[in-house]
N, C-alpha and C. Protein backbone atom coordinates (compact mmCIF):
# COMPACT_ATOMS: atom_id res chain seq x y z
N MET A 1 10.09 -36.25 4.91
CA MET A 1 10.80 -35.14 4.29
C MET A 1 9.89 -34.42 3.30
N SER A 2 9.06 -35.15 2.60
CA SER A 2 8.19 -34.54 1.59
C SER A 2 7.15 -33.62 2.22
N SER A 3 6.60 -34.02 3.39
CA SER A 3 5.59 -33.17 4.02
C SER A 3 6.23 -31.88 4.55
N GLU A 4 7.48 -31.97 5.01
CA GLU A 4 8.18 -30.76 5.46
C GLU A 4 8.45 -29.84 4.29
N SER A 5 8.80 -30.40 3.15
CA SER A 5 9.03 -29.61 1.95
C SER A 5 7.74 -28.97 1.46
N ASP A 6 6.64 -29.74 1.50
CA ASP A 6 5.34 -29.20 1.10
C ASP A 6 4.89 -28.09 2.02
N SER A 7 5.14 -28.26 3.32
CA SER A 7 4.78 -27.23 4.29
C SER A 7 5.60 -25.96 4.05
N GLY A 8 6.88 -26.13 3.76
CA GLY A 8 7.74 -24.99 3.49
C GLY A 8 7.31 -24.25 2.23
N GLN A 9 6.94 -25.01 1.20
CA GLN A 9 6.47 -24.38 -0.04
C GLN A 9 5.15 -23.65 0.18
N ALA A 10 4.27 -24.24 0.96
CA ALA A 10 2.98 -23.59 1.26
C ALA A 10 3.20 -22.31 2.07
N TYR A 11 4.15 -22.37 2.99
CA TYR A 11 4.47 -21.19 3.81
C TYR A 11 4.97 -20.05 2.93
N TRP A 12 5.91 -20.34 2.05
CA TRP A 12 6.46 -19.29 1.21
C TRP A 12 5.45 -18.79 0.18
N LYS A 13 4.59 -19.69 -0.30
CA LYS A 13 3.54 -19.25 -1.22
C LYS A 13 2.59 -18.28 -0.52
N ALA A 14 2.23 -18.58 0.72
CA ALA A 14 1.35 -17.69 1.49
C ALA A 14 2.06 -16.38 1.79
N ASN A 15 3.36 -16.45 2.09
CA ASN A 15 4.14 -15.25 2.39
C ASN A 15 4.23 -14.34 1.16
N VAL A 16 4.55 -14.91 0.02
CA VAL A 16 4.64 -14.12 -1.21
C VAL A 16 3.29 -13.53 -1.59
N SER A 17 2.23 -14.29 -1.37
CA SER A 17 0.88 -13.79 -1.66
C SER A 17 0.54 -12.59 -0.77
N LEU A 18 0.90 -12.69 0.50
CA LEU A 18 0.66 -11.58 1.43
C LEU A 18 1.45 -10.34 1.02
N ILE A 19 2.71 -10.53 0.67
CA ILE A 19 3.54 -9.40 0.23
C ILE A 19 2.96 -8.78 -1.03
N ARG A 20 2.58 -9.61 -1.99
CA ARG A 20 2.00 -9.12 -3.24
C ARG A 20 0.75 -8.29 -2.99
N ASN A 21 -0.13 -8.79 -2.14
CA ASN A 21 -1.38 -8.07 -1.85
C ASN A 21 -1.12 -6.75 -1.14
N CYS A 22 -0.17 -6.73 -0.22
CA CYS A 22 0.18 -5.48 0.46
C CYS A 22 0.75 -4.47 -0.53
N LEU A 23 1.60 -4.93 -1.44
CA LEU A 23 2.17 -4.01 -2.44
C LEU A 23 1.12 -3.49 -3.41
N ILE A 24 0.15 -4.32 -3.75
CA ILE A 24 -0.94 -3.87 -4.63
C ILE A 24 -1.74 -2.76 -3.94
N VAL A 25 -2.06 -2.95 -2.67
CA VAL A 25 -2.81 -1.92 -1.93
C VAL A 25 -2.00 -0.63 -1.87
N TRP A 26 -0.72 -0.74 -1.52
CA TRP A 26 0.10 0.46 -1.41
C TRP A 26 0.27 1.15 -2.75
N ALA A 27 0.46 0.39 -3.83
CA ALA A 27 0.60 0.99 -5.16
C ALA A 27 -0.69 1.69 -5.57
N PHE A 28 -1.84 1.08 -5.28
CA PHE A 28 -3.11 1.71 -5.63
C PHE A 28 -3.29 3.02 -4.87
N VAL A 29 -2.97 3.01 -3.59
CA VAL A 29 -3.16 4.22 -2.79
C VAL A 29 -2.17 5.30 -3.20
N SER A 30 -0.89 4.95 -3.33
CA SER A 30 0.10 5.98 -3.61
C SER A 30 0.07 6.44 -5.06
N PHE A 31 0.03 5.51 -6.01
CA PHE A 31 0.06 5.89 -7.41
C PHE A 31 -1.35 6.18 -7.94
N GLY A 32 -2.29 5.30 -7.60
CA GLY A 32 -3.65 5.45 -8.11
C GLY A 32 -4.36 6.66 -7.54
N LEU A 33 -4.49 6.71 -6.22
CA LEU A 33 -5.22 7.81 -5.60
C LEU A 33 -4.43 9.10 -5.58
N GLY A 34 -3.11 9.02 -5.50
CA GLY A 34 -2.28 10.23 -5.43
C GLY A 34 -2.00 10.85 -6.78
N ILE A 35 -2.04 10.04 -7.86
CA ILE A 35 -1.68 10.56 -9.18
C ILE A 35 -2.79 10.35 -10.21
N LEU A 36 -3.17 9.11 -10.45
CA LEU A 36 -4.11 8.81 -11.53
C LEU A 36 -5.52 9.34 -11.27
N PHE A 37 -6.02 9.12 -10.06
CA PHE A 37 -7.39 9.51 -9.74
C PHE A 37 -7.48 10.83 -9.00
N ARG A 38 -6.38 11.57 -8.95
CA ARG A 38 -6.37 12.85 -8.23
C ARG A 38 -7.41 13.82 -8.77
N PRO A 39 -7.56 13.97 -10.09
CA PRO A 39 -8.59 14.90 -10.58
C PRO A 39 -10.00 14.55 -10.10
N LEU A 40 -10.28 13.26 -9.91
CA LEU A 40 -11.60 12.85 -9.43
C LEU A 40 -11.80 13.19 -7.95
N LEU A 41 -10.70 13.33 -7.22
CA LEU A 41 -10.78 13.56 -5.78
C LEU A 41 -10.65 15.02 -5.38
N THR A 42 -10.58 15.93 -6.36
CA THR A 42 -10.37 17.35 -6.03
C THR A 42 -11.56 17.98 -5.33
N SER A 43 -12.75 17.45 -5.55
CA SER A 43 -13.93 18.05 -4.92
C SER A 43 -14.07 17.69 -3.45
N ILE A 44 -13.36 16.68 -2.99
CA ILE A 44 -13.42 16.26 -1.59
C ILE A 44 -12.29 16.95 -0.84
N LYS A 45 -12.64 17.73 0.17
CA LYS A 45 -11.65 18.49 0.93
C LYS A 45 -11.33 17.79 2.25
N ILE A 46 -10.05 17.75 2.59
CA ILE A 46 -9.60 17.21 3.87
C ILE A 46 -8.39 18.01 4.32
N GLY A 47 -8.42 18.53 5.52
CA GLY A 47 -7.31 19.28 6.07
C GLY A 47 -6.94 20.52 5.28
N GLY A 48 -7.89 21.16 4.62
CA GLY A 48 -7.61 22.37 3.89
C GLY A 48 -7.15 22.17 2.45
N SER A 49 -7.02 20.95 2.01
CA SER A 49 -6.65 20.69 0.61
C SER A 49 -7.51 19.55 0.07
N ASP A 50 -7.36 19.28 -1.23
CA ASP A 50 -8.20 18.22 -1.79
C ASP A 50 -7.66 16.85 -1.42
N LEU A 51 -8.53 15.85 -1.51
CA LEU A 51 -8.20 14.49 -1.09
C LEU A 51 -7.08 13.88 -1.92
N GLY A 52 -7.02 14.17 -3.20
CA GLY A 52 -5.94 13.64 -4.04
C GLY A 52 -4.58 14.14 -3.60
N PHE A 53 -4.49 15.43 -3.30
CA PHE A 53 -3.23 15.99 -2.80
C PHE A 53 -2.88 15.37 -1.46
N TRP A 54 -3.87 15.17 -0.60
CA TRP A 54 -3.62 14.57 0.70
C TRP A 54 -3.05 13.17 0.56
N PHE A 55 -3.66 12.35 -0.34
CA PHE A 55 -3.13 11.00 -0.56
C PHE A 55 -1.71 11.04 -1.11
N ALA A 56 -1.43 11.99 -1.99
CA ALA A 56 -0.09 12.08 -2.56
C ALA A 56 0.93 12.48 -1.50
N GLN A 57 0.55 13.32 -0.55
CA GLN A 57 1.49 13.82 0.43
C GLN A 57 1.50 13.03 1.75
N GLN A 58 0.34 12.65 2.25
CA GLN A 58 0.26 12.02 3.57
C GLN A 58 -0.36 10.64 3.54
N GLY A 59 -1.39 10.48 2.76
CA GLY A 59 -2.18 9.24 2.80
C GLY A 59 -1.38 8.00 2.48
N SER A 60 -0.52 8.06 1.49
CA SER A 60 0.25 6.87 1.14
C SER A 60 1.22 6.49 2.25
N ILE A 61 1.73 7.48 2.98
CA ILE A 61 2.62 7.19 4.10
C ILE A 61 1.84 6.51 5.23
N TYR A 62 0.65 7.02 5.53
CA TYR A 62 -0.17 6.41 6.58
C TYR A 62 -0.57 4.99 6.20
N VAL A 63 -0.95 4.80 4.95
CA VAL A 63 -1.32 3.47 4.50
C VAL A 63 -0.12 2.53 4.58
N PHE A 64 1.07 3.01 4.22
CA PHE A 64 2.27 2.20 4.31
C PHE A 64 2.52 1.77 5.76
N LEU A 65 2.36 2.69 6.72
CA LEU A 65 2.55 2.34 8.12
C LEU A 65 1.53 1.31 8.60
N VAL A 66 0.28 1.48 8.18
CA VAL A 66 -0.76 0.50 8.53
C VAL A 66 -0.42 -0.86 7.92
N LEU A 67 0.07 -0.87 6.68
CA LEU A 67 0.44 -2.13 6.04
C LEU A 67 1.60 -2.82 6.75
N ILE A 68 2.53 -2.06 7.30
CA ILE A 68 3.63 -2.67 8.05
C ILE A 68 3.09 -3.43 9.26
N PHE A 69 2.20 -2.80 10.02
CA PHE A 69 1.63 -3.48 11.19
C PHE A 69 0.73 -4.64 10.77
N PHE A 70 -0.02 -4.48 9.69
CA PHE A 70 -0.86 -5.57 9.18
C PHE A 70 0.00 -6.76 8.77
N TYR A 71 1.10 -6.48 8.06
CA TYR A 71 2.00 -7.55 7.62
C TYR A 71 2.60 -8.29 8.82
N ALA A 72 3.04 -7.55 9.83
CA ALA A 72 3.61 -8.18 11.02
C ALA A 72 2.58 -9.05 11.73
N TRP A 73 1.35 -8.56 11.84
CA TRP A 73 0.28 -9.30 12.48
C TRP A 73 -0.03 -10.59 11.72
N ARG A 74 -0.17 -10.47 10.38
CA ARG A 74 -0.48 -11.65 9.56
C ARG A 74 0.68 -12.64 9.55
N MET A 75 1.91 -12.15 9.53
CA MET A 75 3.06 -13.06 9.53
C MET A 75 3.16 -13.81 10.85
N ASN A 76 2.85 -13.16 11.96
CA ASN A 76 2.84 -13.87 13.25
C ASN A 76 1.81 -14.99 13.24
N ALA A 77 0.63 -14.70 12.70
CA ALA A 77 -0.40 -15.73 12.60
C ALA A 77 0.04 -16.85 11.66
N MET A 78 0.65 -16.48 10.54
CA MET A 78 1.11 -17.47 9.57
C MET A 78 2.24 -18.32 10.15
N ASP A 79 3.14 -17.70 10.90
CA ASP A 79 4.22 -18.45 11.54
C ASP A 79 3.67 -19.50 12.49
N LYS A 80 2.65 -19.13 13.27
CA LYS A 80 2.04 -20.08 14.19
C LYS A 80 1.35 -21.21 13.43
N LYS A 81 0.68 -20.85 12.33
CA LYS A 81 -0.04 -21.86 11.54
C LYS A 81 0.92 -22.89 10.96
N TYR A 82 2.08 -22.45 10.49
CA TYR A 82 3.03 -23.37 9.87
C TYR A 82 4.10 -23.86 10.83
N GLY A 83 4.02 -23.48 12.09
CA GLY A 83 4.93 -23.98 13.10
C GLY A 83 6.35 -23.45 13.00
N VAL A 84 6.51 -22.23 12.56
CA VAL A 84 7.85 -21.65 12.45
C VAL A 84 7.99 -20.39 13.30
N GLU A 85 7.15 -20.28 14.35
CA GLU A 85 7.25 -19.08 15.20
C GLU A 85 8.52 -19.10 16.01
N GLU A 86 8.86 -17.96 16.55
CA GLU A 86 10.10 -17.81 17.31
C GLU A 86 10.02 -18.56 18.62
């Protein structure tokens, strides 16, 4: 029973760590690049506007979509590692 409990705790610790890291990346891209560092990115042009504006309007959405697929991929691997796959 103890090894099953330890495995479950390790699984959830890895899951929470993955979620935390994904949220940090998304917060940095959406808040950091779209708002805080926007003045630094004004000289870089993409799609007819500056890079900071692009991150504020489109980039954070694209990064969020990539993070969804990354999370699903990593969770499938983690499920197999801990023996809780479907």
